[in-house]
Amino acid sequence: MTYIITDPCIGTCDTACVEVCPVDCIHGPDDPEGSGEEAKAADFDATSKQLFINPEECIDCGACEPECPVDAIYDEDETPEEYEPSIAHNYKFFGQDPPS
């Protein structure tokens, strides 16, 4: 399993989660390989953007979850129903097939 970043991240893109990830699996919002550097720029417009967790890289440690200031990160199995579309969105950002 993996952790999922959900809709509350949209418009925030706070990178506190990136800073604590021991395996650097949090990427985006524009670059699936980057580490959110663009979100740290002073002129960054986060209006319709969010960060993503690569499910192939995530070790399910949970270090990111308490760091999120908008409570947008959930264990995939514990993602609230209202945010379940975020699961597929995270997988697709990395060109992966979401779980069925």
PDB file of N, CA and C in Angstrom:
ATOM      1  N   MET A   1       0.832  -1.195   0.000  1.00  0.00           N
ATOM      2  CA  MET A   1       0.000   0.000   0.000  1.00  0.00           C
ATOM      3  C   MET A   1       0.864   1.241   0.000  1.00  0.00           C
ATOM      4  N   THR A   2       0.203   2.360  -0.111  1.00  0.00           N
ATOM      5  CA  THR A   2       0.877   3.645  -0.173  1.00  0.00           C
ATOM      6  C   THR A   2       0.033   4.692   0.538  1.00  0.00           C
ATOM      7  N   TYR A   3       0.612   5.830   0.709  1.00  0.00           N
ATOM      8  CA  TYR A   3      -0.148   6.968   1.201  1.00  0.00           C
ATOM      9  C   TYR A   3      -0.613   7.770  -0.014  1.00  0.00           C
ATOM     10  N   ILE A   4      -1.716   8.472   0.143  1.00  0.00           N
ATOM     11  CA  ILE A   4      -2.344   9.227  -0.937  1.00  0.00           C
ATOM     12  C   ILE A   4      -2.493  10.679  -0.493  1.00  0.00           C
ATOM     13  N   ILE A   5      -2.187  11.597  -1.395  1.00  0.00           N
ATOM     14  CA  ILE A   5      -2.438  13.012  -1.133  1.00  0.00           C
ATOM     15  C   ILE A   5      -3.768  13.353  -1.810  1.00  0.00           C
ATOM     16  N   THR A   6      -4.662  13.935  -1.041  1.00  0.00           N
ATOM     17  CA  THR A   6      -6.025  14.169  -1.500  1.00  0.00           C
ATOM     18  C   THR A   6      -6.299  15.655  -1.781  1.00  0.00           C
ATOM     19  N   ASP A   7      -7.535  15.943  -2.148  1.00  0.00           N
ATOM     20  CA  ASP A   7      -7.963  17.269  -2.592  1.00  0.00           C
ATOM     21  C   ASP A   7      -7.595  18.448  -1.689  1.00  0.00           C
ATOM     22  N   PRO A   8      -7.569  18.320  -0.366  1.00  0.00           N
ATOM     23  CA  PRO A   8      -7.218  19.507   0.422  1.00  0.00           C
ATOM     24  C   PRO A   8      -5.840  20.089   0.095  1.00  0.00           C
ATOM     25  N   CYS A   9      -4.982  19.304  -0.543  1.00  0.00           N
ATOM     26  CA  CYS A   9      -3.666  19.808  -0.945  1.00  0.00           C
ATOM     27  C   CYS A   9      -3.775  20.798  -2.100  1.00  0.00           C
ATOM     28  N   ILE A  10      -4.831  20.653  -2.901  1.00  0.00           N
ATOM     29  CA  ILE A  10      -4.997  21.539  -4.058  1.00  0.00           C
ATOM     30  C   ILE A  10      -5.071  22.990  -3.583  1.00  0.00           C
ATOM     31  N   GLY A  11      -4.209  23.793  -4.138  1.00  0.00           N
ATOM     32  CA  GLY A  11      -4.162  25.194  -3.766  1.00  0.00           C
ATOM     33  C   GLY A  11      -3.241  25.491  -2.606  1.00  0.00           C
ATOM     34  N   THR A  12      -2.719  24.446  -1.972  1.00  0.00           N
ATOM     35  CA  THR A  12      -1.817  24.638  -0.843  1.00  0.00           C
ATOM     36  C   THR A  12      -0.387  24.265  -1.230  1.00  0.00           C
ATOM     37  N   CYS A  13      -0.207  23.027  -1.645  1.00  0.00           N
ATOM     38  CA  CYS A  13       1.110  22.512  -2.049  1.00  0.00           C
ATOM     39  C   CYS A  13       2.187  22.807  -1.012  1.00  0.00           C
ATOM     40  N   ASP A  14       1.840  22.724   0.253  1.00  0.00           N
ATOM     41  CA  ASP A  14       2.843  22.889   1.303  1.00  0.00           C
ATOM     42  C   ASP A  14       3.819  21.720   1.194  1.00  0.00           C
ATOM     43  N   THR A  15       5.088  21.986   1.279  1.00  0.00           N
ATOM     44  CA  THR A  15       6.084  20.928   1.061  1.00  0.00           C
ATOM     45  C   THR A  15       6.668  20.367   2.355  1.00  0.00           C
ATOM     46  N   ALA A  16       5.996  20.566   3.472  1.00  0.00           N
ATOM     47  CA  ALA A  16       6.484  19.998   4.734  1.00  0.00           C
ATOM     48  C   ALA A  16       6.563  18.484   4.639  1.00  0.00           C
ATOM     49  N   CYS A  17       5.646  17.875   3.919  1.00  0.00           N
ATOM     50  CA  CYS A  17       5.647  16.422   3.748  1.00  0.00           C
ATOM     51  C   CYS A  17       6.880  15.957   2.970  1.00  0.00           C
ATOM     52  N   VAL A  18       7.281  16.752   1.975  1.00  0.00           N
ATOM     53  CA  VAL A  18       8.451  16.426   1.158  1.00  0.00           C
ATOM     54  C   VAL A  18       9.698  16.391   2.034  1.00  0.00           C
ATOM     55  N   GLU A  19       9.793  17.338   2.940  1.00  0.00           N
ATOM     56  CA  GLU A  19      10.977  17.469   3.788  1.00  0.00           C
ATOM     57  C   GLU A  19      11.188  16.278   4.714  1.00  0.00           C
ATOM     58  N   VAL A  20      10.112  15.600   5.132  1.00  0.00           N
ATOM     59  CA  VAL A  20      10.249  14.496   6.086  1.00  0.00           C
ATOM     60  C   VAL A  20      10.245  13.109   5.443  1.00  0.00           C
ATOM     61  N   CYS A  21       9.988  13.028   4.157  1.00  0.00           N
ATOM     62  CA  CYS A  21       9.911  11.727   3.492  1.00  0.00           C
ATOM     63  C   CYS A  21      11.307  11.103   3.404  1.00  0.00           C
ATOM     64  N   PRO A  22      11.496   9.915   4.001  1.00  0.00           N
ATOM     65  CA  PRO A  22      12.830   9.304   4.000  1.00  0.00           C
ATOM     66  C   PRO A  22      13.249   8.707   2.655  1.00  0.00           C
ATOM     67  N   VAL A  23      12.307   8.532   1.742  1.00  0.00           N
ATOM     68  CA  VAL A  23      12.651   7.932   0.449  1.00  0.00           C
ATOM     69  C   VAL A  23      12.363   8.861  -0.728  1.00  0.00           C
ATOM     70  N   ASP A  24      12.065  10.107  -0.462  1.00  0.00           N
ATOM     71  CA  ASP A  24      11.809  11.109  -1.510  1.00  0.00           C
ATOM     72  C   ASP A  24      10.794  10.637  -2.541  1.00  0.00           C
ATOM     73  N   CYS A  25       9.642  10.161  -2.056  1.00  0.00           N
ATOM     74  CA  CYS A  25       8.613   9.659  -2.974  1.00  0.00           C
ATOM     75  C   CYS A  25       7.507  10.665  -3.249  1.00  0.00           C
ATOM     76  N   ILE A  26       7.603  11.876  -2.696  1.00  0.00           N
ATOM     77  CA  ILE A  26       6.577  12.892  -2.903  1.00  0.00           C
ATOM     78  C   ILE A  26       7.056  13.837  -3.999  1.00  0.00           C
ATOM     79  N   HIS A  27       6.253  13.954  -5.033  1.00  0.00           N
ATOM     80  CA  HIS A  27       6.651  14.705  -6.214  1.00  0.00           C
ATOM     81  C   HIS A  27       5.540  15.652  -6.663  1.00  0.00           C
ATOM     82  N   GLY A  28       5.873  16.404  -7.709  1.00  0.00           N
ATOM     83  CA  GLY A  28       4.886  17.310  -8.295  1.00  0.00           C
ATOM     84  C   GLY A  28       5.102  18.718  -7.821  1.00  0.00           C
ATOM     85  N   PRO A  29       4.188  19.575  -8.075  1.00  0.00           N
ATOM     86  CA  PRO A  29       2.911  19.351  -8.741  1.00  0.00           C
ATOM     87  C   PRO A  29       3.007  19.281 -10.259  1.00  0.00           C
ATOM     88  N   ASP A  30       4.125  19.742 -10.816  1.00  0.00           N
ATOM     89  CA  ASP A  30       4.249  19.737 -12.273  1.00  0.00           C
ATOM     90  C   ASP A  30       5.170  18.642 -12.794  1.00  0.00           C
ATOM     91  N   ASP A  31       6.088  18.170 -11.955  1.00  0.00           N
ATOM     92  CA  ASP A  31       7.119  17.240 -12.380  1.00  0.00           C
ATOM     93  C   ASP A  31       7.029  15.927 -11.597  1.00  0.00           C
ATOM     94  N   PRO A  32       6.663  14.819 -12.262  1.00  0.00           N
ATOM     95  CA  PRO A  32       6.567  13.538 -11.558  1.00  0.00           C
ATOM     96  C   PRO A  32       7.909  13.026 -11.030  1.00  0.00           C
ATOM     97  N   GLU A  33       9.007  13.634 -11.461  1.00  0.00           N
ATOM     98  CA  GLU A  33      10.326  13.248 -10.981  1.00  0.00           C
ATOM     99  C   GLU A  33      10.872  14.232  -9.949  1.00  0.00           C
ATOM    100  N   GLY A  34      10.334  15.435  -9.931  1.00  0.00           N
ATOM    101  CA  GLY A  34      10.841  16.472  -9.038  1.00  0.00           C
ATOM    102  C   GLY A  34      10.356  16.299  -7.610  1.00  0.00           C
ATOM    103  N   SER A  35      10.892  17.112  -6.733  1.00  0.00           N
ATOM    104  CA  SER A  35      10.531  16.998  -5.317  1.00  0.00           C
ATOM    105  C   SER A  35       9.795  18.233  -4.824  1.00  0.00           C
ATOM    106  N   GLY A  36       8.920  18.745  -5.649  1.00  0.00           N
ATOM    107  CA  GLY A  36       8.104  19.878  -5.247  1.00  0.00           C
ATOM    108  C   GLY A  36       8.844  21.196  -5.217  1.00  0.00           C
ATOM    109  N   GLU A  37      10.019  21.246  -5.822  1.00  0.00           N
ATOM    110  CA  GLU A  37      10.801  22.477  -5.792  1.00  0.00           C
ATOM    111  C   GLU A  37      10.027  23.668  -6.351  1.00  0.00           C
ATOM    112  N   GLU A  38       9.245  23.431  -7.405  1.00  0.00           N
ATOM    113  CA  GLU A  38       8.492  24.542  -7.987  1.00  0.00           C
ATOM    114  C   GLU A  38       7.487  25.117  -7.006  1.00  0.00           C
ATOM    115  N   ALA A  39       6.980  24.288  -6.095  1.00  0.00           N
ATOM    116  CA  ALA A  39       6.007  24.744  -5.105  1.00  0.00           C
ATOM    117  C   ALA A  39       6.654  25.613  -4.033  1.00  0.00           C
ATOM    118  N   LYS A  40       7.974  25.578  -3.947  1.00  0.00           N
ATOM    119  CA  LYS A  40       8.689  26.369  -2.949  1.00  0.00           C
ATOM    120  C   LYS A  40       9.033  27.770  -3.453  1.00  0.00           C
ATOM    121  N   ALA A  41       8.871  28.012  -4.741  1.00  0.00           N
ATOM    122  CA  ALA A  41       9.210  29.315  -5.323  1.00  0.00           C
ATOM    123  C   ALA A  41       8.235  30.388  -4.845  1.00  0.00           C
ATOM    124  N   ALA A  42       8.740  31.568  -4.599  1.00  0.00           N
ATOM    125  CA  ALA A  42       7.918  32.664  -4.081  1.00  0.00           C
ATOM    126  C   ALA A  42       6.777  33.036  -5.015  1.00  0.00           C
ATOM    127  N   ASP A  43       6.973  32.881  -6.311  1.00  0.00           N
ATOM    128  CA  ASP A  43       5.939  33.261  -7.271  1.00  0.00           C
ATOM    129  C   ASP A  43       5.067  32.089  -7.727  1.00  0.00           C
ATOM    130  N   PHE A  44       5.136  30.961  -7.022  1.00  0.00           N
ATOM    131  CA  PHE A  44       4.374  29.772  -7.400  1.00  0.00           C
ATOM    132  C   PHE A  44       2.881  29.986  -7.172  1.00  0.00           C
ATOM    133  N   ASP A  45       2.071  29.666  -8.165  1.00  0.00           N
ATOM    134  CA  ASP A  45       0.618  29.761  -8.059  1.00  0.00           C
ATOM    135  C   ASP A  45       0.051  28.358  -7.890  1.00  0.00           C
ATOM    136  N   ALA A  46      -0.372  28.031  -6.695  1.00  0.00           N
ATOM    137  CA  ALA A  46      -0.860  26.693  -6.366  1.00  0.00           C
ATOM    138  C   ALA A  46      -2.354  26.532  -6.600  1.00  0.00           C
ATOM    139  N   THR A  47      -2.984  27.482  -7.222  1.00  0.00           N
ATOM    140  CA  THR A  47      -4.437  27.523  -7.344  1.00  0.00           C
ATOM    141  C   THR A  47      -5.074  26.182  -7.686  1.00  0.00           C
ATOM    142  N   SER A  48      -4.587  25.482  -8.672  1.00  0.00           N
ATOM    143  CA  SER A  48      -5.217  24.222  -9.070  1.00  0.00           C
ATOM    144  C   SER A  48      -4.220  23.063  -9.031  1.00  0.00           C
ATOM    145  N   LYS A  49      -3.220  23.163  -8.164  1.00  0.00           N
ATOM    146  CA  LYS A  49      -2.155  22.163  -8.138  1.00  0.00           C
ATOM    147  C   LYS A  49      -2.037  21.494  -6.782  1.00  0.00           C
ATOM    148  N   GLN A  50      -1.435  20.292  -6.793  1.00  0.00           N
ATOM    149  CA  GLN A  50      -1.198  19.558  -5.569  1.00  0.00           C
ATOM    150  C   GLN A  50       0.051  18.709  -5.723  1.00  0.00           C
ATOM    151  N   LEU A  51       0.495  18.120  -4.629  1.00  0.00           N
ATOM    152  CA  LEU A  51       1.613  17.190  -4.642  1.00  0.00           C
ATOM    153  C   LEU A  51       1.071  15.768  -4.746  1.00  0.00           C
ATOM    154  N   PHE A  52       1.954  14.824  -5.059  1.00  0.00           N
ATOM    155  CA  PHE A  52       1.563  13.426  -5.237  1.00  0.00           C
ATOM    156  C   PHE A  52       2.603  12.503  -4.617  1.00  0.00           C
ATOM    157  N   ILE A  53       2.162  11.322  -4.183  1.00  0.00           N
ATOM    158  CA  ILE A  53       3.057  10.299  -3.637  1.00  0.00           C
ATOM    159  C   ILE A  53       3.147   9.165  -4.640  1.00  0.00           C
ATOM    160  N   ASN A  54       4.372   8.844  -5.053  1.00  0.00           N
ATOM    161  CA  ASN A  54       4.571   7.759  -6.003  1.00  0.00           C
ATOM    162  C   ASN A  54       4.353   6.427  -5.290  1.00  0.00           C
ATOM    163  N   PRO A  55       3.327   5.665  -5.690  1.00  0.00           N
ATOM    164  CA  PRO A  55       3.022   4.415  -4.996  1.00  0.00           C
ATOM    165  C   PRO A  55       4.101   3.339  -5.139  1.00  0.00           C
ATOM    166  N   GLU A  56       4.931   3.448  -6.154  1.00  0.00           N
ATOM    167  CA  GLU A  56       6.005   2.466  -6.321  1.00  0.00           C
ATOM    168  C   GLU A  56       7.208   2.790  -5.437  1.00  0.00           C
ATOM    169  N   GLU A  57       7.296   4.019  -4.961  1.00  0.00           N
ATOM    170  CA  GLU A  57       8.427   4.432  -4.132  1.00  0.00           C
ATOM    171  C   GLU A  57       8.083   4.506  -2.643  1.00  0.00           C
ATOM    172  N   CYS A  58       6.812   4.715  -2.332  1.00  0.00           N
ATOM    173  CA  CYS A  58       6.374   4.889  -0.941  1.00  0.00           C
ATOM    174  C   CYS A  58       6.620   3.614  -0.141  1.00  0.00           C
ATOM    175  N   ILE A  59       7.215   3.772   1.051  1.00  0.00           N
ATOM    176  CA  ILE A  59       7.465   2.618   1.927  1.00  0.00           C
ATOM    177  C   ILE A  59       6.431   2.516   3.039  1.00  0.00           C
ATOM    178  N   ASP A  60       5.375   3.318   2.952  1.00  0.00           N
ATOM    179  CA  ASP A  60       4.255   3.251   3.891  1.00  0.00           C
ATOM    180  C   ASP A  60       4.675   3.546   5.332  1.00  0.00           C
ATOM    181  N   CYS A  61       5.614   4.493   5.492  1.00  0.00           N
ATOM    182  CA  CYS A  61       6.106   4.812   6.839  1.00  0.00           C
ATOM    183  C   CYS A  61       5.190   5.774   7.586  1.00  0.00           C
ATOM    184  N   GLY A  62       4.443   6.603   6.849  1.00  0.00           N
ATOM    185  CA  GLY A  62       3.513   7.539   7.468  1.00  0.00           C
ATOM    186  C   GLY A  62       4.142   8.820   7.988  1.00  0.00           C
ATOM    187  N   ALA A  63       5.417   9.059   7.731  1.00  0.00           N
ATOM    188  CA  ALA A  63       6.075  10.273   8.229  1.00  0.00           C
ATOM    189  C   ALA A  63       5.432  11.545   7.676  1.00  0.00           C
ATOM    190  N   CYS A  64       4.896  11.470   6.489  1.00  0.00           N
ATOM    191  CA  CYS A  64       4.317  12.644   5.838  1.00  0.00           C
ATOM    192  C   CYS A  64       2.975  13.069   6.427  1.00  0.00           C
ATOM    193  N   GLU A  65       2.201  12.110   6.860  1.00  0.00           N
ATOM    194  CA  GLU A  65       0.823  12.383   7.282  1.00  0.00           C
ATOM    195  C   GLU A  65       0.699  13.469   8.352  1.00  0.00           C
ATOM    196  N   PRO A  66       1.434  13.383   9.463  1.00  0.00           N
ATOM    197  CA  PRO A  66       1.257  14.424  10.489  1.00  0.00           C
ATOM    198  C   PRO A  66       1.833  15.781  10.109  1.00  0.00           C
ATOM    199  N   GLU A  67       2.653  15.835   9.079  1.00  0.00           N
ATOM    200  CA  GLU A  67       3.272  17.094   8.659  1.00  0.00           C
ATOM    201  C   GLU A  67       2.366  17.940   7.785  1.00  0.00           C
ATOM    202  N   CYS A  68       1.341  17.340   7.213  1.00  0.00           N
ATOM    203  CA  CYS A  68       0.466  18.062   6.291  1.00  0.00           C
ATOM    204  C   CYS A  68      -0.411  19.063   7.052  1.00  0.00           C
ATOM    205  N   PRO A  69      -0.289  20.365   6.734  1.00  0.00           N
ATOM    206  CA  PRO A  69      -1.060  21.359   7.470  1.00  0.00           C
ATOM    207  C   PRO A  69      -2.551  21.392   7.124  1.00  0.00           C
ATOM    208  N   VAL A  70      -2.945  20.695   6.045  1.00  0.00           N
ATOM    209  CA  VAL A  70      -4.359  20.694   5.656  1.00  0.00           C
ATOM    210  C   VAL A  70      -4.977  19.298   5.733  1.00  0.00           C
ATOM    211  N   ASP A  71      -4.319  18.376   6.406  1.00  0.00           N
ATOM    212  CA  ASP A  71      -4.821  17.007   6.582  1.00  0.00           C
ATOM    213  C   ASP A  71      -5.248  16.377   5.257  1.00  0.00           C
ATOM    214  N   ALA A  72      -4.357  16.422   4.273  1.00  0.00           N
ATOM    215  CA  ALA A  72      -4.668  15.898   2.948  1.00  0.00           C
ATOM    216  C   ALA A  72      -4.087  14.511   2.695  1.00  0.00           C
ATOM    217  N   ILE A  73      -3.299  13.971   3.627  1.00  0.00           N
ATOM    218  CA  ILE A  73      -2.598  12.713   3.384  1.00  0.00           C
ATOM    219  C   ILE A  73      -3.226  11.589   4.208  1.00  0.00           C
ATOM    220  N   TYR A  74      -3.517  10.488   3.494  1.00  0.00           N
ATOM    221  CA  TYR A  74      -4.137   9.323   4.130  1.00  0.00           C
ATOM    222  C   TYR A  74      -3.480   8.046   3.645  1.00  0.00           C
ATOM    223  N   ASP A  75      -3.486   7.038   4.518  1.00  0.00           N
ATOM    224  CA  ASP A  75      -3.126   5.698   4.079  1.00  0.00           C
ATOM    225  C   ASP A  75      -4.161   5.318   3.021  1.00  0.00           C
ATOM    226  N   GLU A  76      -3.727   4.721   1.931  1.00  0.00           N
ATOM    227  CA  GLU A  76      -4.650   4.405   0.833  1.00  0.00           C
ATOM    228  C   GLU A  76      -5.885   3.652   1.314  1.00  0.00           C
ATOM    229  N   ASP A  77      -5.701   2.713   2.228  1.00  0.00           N
ATOM    230  CA  ASP A  77      -6.827   1.921   2.736  1.00  0.00           C
ATOM    231  C   ASP A  77      -7.751   2.708   3.654  1.00  0.00           C
ATOM    232  N   GLU A  78      -7.299   3.872   4.111  1.00  0.00           N
ATOM    233  CA  GLU A  78      -8.088   4.670   5.049  1.00  0.00           C
ATOM    234  C   GLU A  78      -8.528   6.006   4.444  1.00  0.00           C
ATOM    235  N   THR A  79      -8.408   6.128   3.132  1.00  0.00           N
ATOM    236  CA  THR A  79      -8.813   7.359   2.461  1.00  0.00           C
ATOM    237  C   THR A  79     -10.326   7.523   2.592  1.00  0.00           C
ATOM    238  N   PRO A  80     -10.784   8.664   3.099  1.00  0.00           N
ATOM    239  CA  PRO A  80     -12.230   8.887   3.223  1.00  0.00           C
ATOM    240  C   PRO A  80     -12.908   8.767   1.857  1.00  0.00           C
ATOM    241  N   GLU A  81     -14.126   8.281   1.873  1.00  0.00           N
ATOM    242  CA  GLU A  81     -14.884   8.052   0.642  1.00  0.00           C
ATOM    243  C   GLU A  81     -14.912   9.284  -0.263  1.00  0.00           C
ATOM    244  N   GLU A  82     -15.054  10.452   0.331  1.00  0.00           N
ATOM    245  CA  GLU A  82     -15.133  11.680  -0.469  1.00  0.00           C
ATOM    246  C   GLU A  82     -13.845  11.964  -1.251  1.00  0.00           C
ATOM    247  N   TYR A  83     -12.734  11.374  -0.815  1.00  0.00           N
ATOM    248  CA  TYR A  83     -11.451  11.602  -1.482  1.00  0.00           C
ATOM    249  C   TYR A  83     -10.959  10.391  -2.276  1.00  0.00           C
ATOM    250  N   GLU A  84     -11.764   9.355  -2.386  1.00  0.00           N
ATOM    251  CA  GLU A  84     -11.336   8.155  -3.107  1.00  0.00           C
ATOM    252  C   GLU A  84     -10.911   8.424  -4.552  1.00  0.00           C
ATOM    253  N   PRO A  85     -11.487   9.390  -5.270  1.00  0.00           N
ATOM    254  CA  PRO A  85     -10.983   9.676  -6.617  1.00  0.00           C
ATOM    255  C   PRO A  85      -9.499  10.092  -6.621  1.00  0.00           C
ATOM    256  N   SER A  86      -9.009  10.588  -5.505  1.00  0.00           N
ATOM    257  CA  SER A  86      -7.606  10.978  -5.401  1.00  0.00           C
ATOM    258  C   SER A  86      -6.666   9.785  -5.540  1.00  0.00           C
ATOM    259  N   ILE A  87      -7.144   8.607  -5.201  1.00  0.00           N
ATOM    260  CA  ILE A  87      -6.301   7.410  -5.310  1.00  0.00           C
ATOM    261  C   ILE A  87      -5.906   7.204  -6.771  1.00  0.00           C
ATOM    262  N   ALA A  88      -6.884   7.179  -7.652  1.00  0.00           N
ATOM    263  CA  ALA A  88      -6.600   7.005  -9.081  1.00  0.00           C
ATOM    264  C   ALA A  88      -5.790   8.172  -9.618  1.00  0.00           C
ATOM    265  N   HIS A  89      -6.100   9.376  -9.160  1.00  0.00           N
ATOM    266  CA  HIS A  89      -5.391  10.573  -9.617  1.00  0.00           C
ATOM    267  C   HIS A  89      -3.901  10.470  -9.291  1.00  0.00           C
ATOM    268  N   ASN A  90      -3.566   9.998  -8.079  1.00  0.00           N
ATOM    269  CA  ASN A  90      -2.170   9.845  -7.689  1.00  0.00           C
ATOM    270  C   ASN A  90      -1.459   8.823  -8.563  1.00  0.00           C
ATOM    271  N   TYR A  91      -2.073   7.683  -8.783  1.00  0.00           N
ATOM    272  CA  TYR A  91      -1.451   6.644  -9.620  1.00  0.00           C
ATOM    273  C   TYR A  91      -1.249   7.153 -11.045  1.00  0.00           C
ATOM    274  N   LYS A  92      -2.261   7.794 -11.599  1.00  0.00           N
ATOM    275  CA  LYS A  92      -2.193   8.261 -12.985  1.00  0.00           C
ATOM    276  C   LYS A  92      -1.150   9.349 -13.182  1.00  0.00           C
ATOM    277  N   PHE A  93      -0.895  10.170 -12.162  1.00  0.00           N
ATOM    278  CA  PHE A  93       0.130  11.209 -12.263  1.00  0.00           C
ATOM    279  C   PHE A  93       1.486  10.596 -12.603  1.00  0.00           C
ATOM    280  N   PHE A  94       1.713   9.379 -12.117  1.00  0.00           N
ATOM    281  CA  PHE A  94       2.980   8.692 -12.368  1.00  0.00           C
ATOM    282  C   PHE A  94       2.898   7.679 -13.503  1.00  0.00           C
ATOM    283  N   GLY A  95       1.791   7.714 -14.274  1.00  0.00           N
ATOM    284  CA  GLY A  95       1.633   6.817 -15.414  1.00  0.00           C
ATOM    285  C   GLY A  95       1.389   5.377 -15.012  1.00  0.00           C
ATOM    286  N   GLN A  96       0.834   5.184 -13.829  1.00  0.00           N
ATOM    287  CA  GLN A  96       0.575   3.845 -13.314  1.00  0.00           C
ATOM    288  C   GLN A  96      -0.919   3.564 -13.318  1.00  0.00           C
ATOM    289  N   ASP A  97      -1.260   2.293 -13.394  1.00  0.00           N
ATOM    290  CA  ASP A  97      -2.663   1.909 -13.318  1.00  0.00           C
ATOM    291  C   ASP A  97      -3.112   1.905 -11.878  1.00  0.00           C
ATOM    292  N   PRO A  98      -4.233   2.563 -11.585  1.00  0.00           N
ATOM    293  CA  PRO A  98      -4.743   2.546 -10.213  1.00  0.00           C
ATOM    294  C   PRO A  98      -5.257   1.158  -9.847  1.00  0.00           C
ATOM    295  N   PRO A  99      -5.282   0.855  -8.569  1.00  0.00           N
ATOM    296  CA  PRO A  99      -5.818  -0.447  -8.154  1.00  0.00           C
ATOM    297  C   PRO A  99      -7.287  -0.545  -8.498  1.00  0.00           C
ATOM    298  N   SER A 100      -7.730  -1.752  -8.767  1.00  0.00           N
ATOM    299  CA  SER A 100      -9.149  -1.924  -9.131  1.00  0.00           C
ATOM    300  C   SER A 100      -9.988  -2.275  -7.939  1.00  0.00           C
TER     301      SER A 100
END
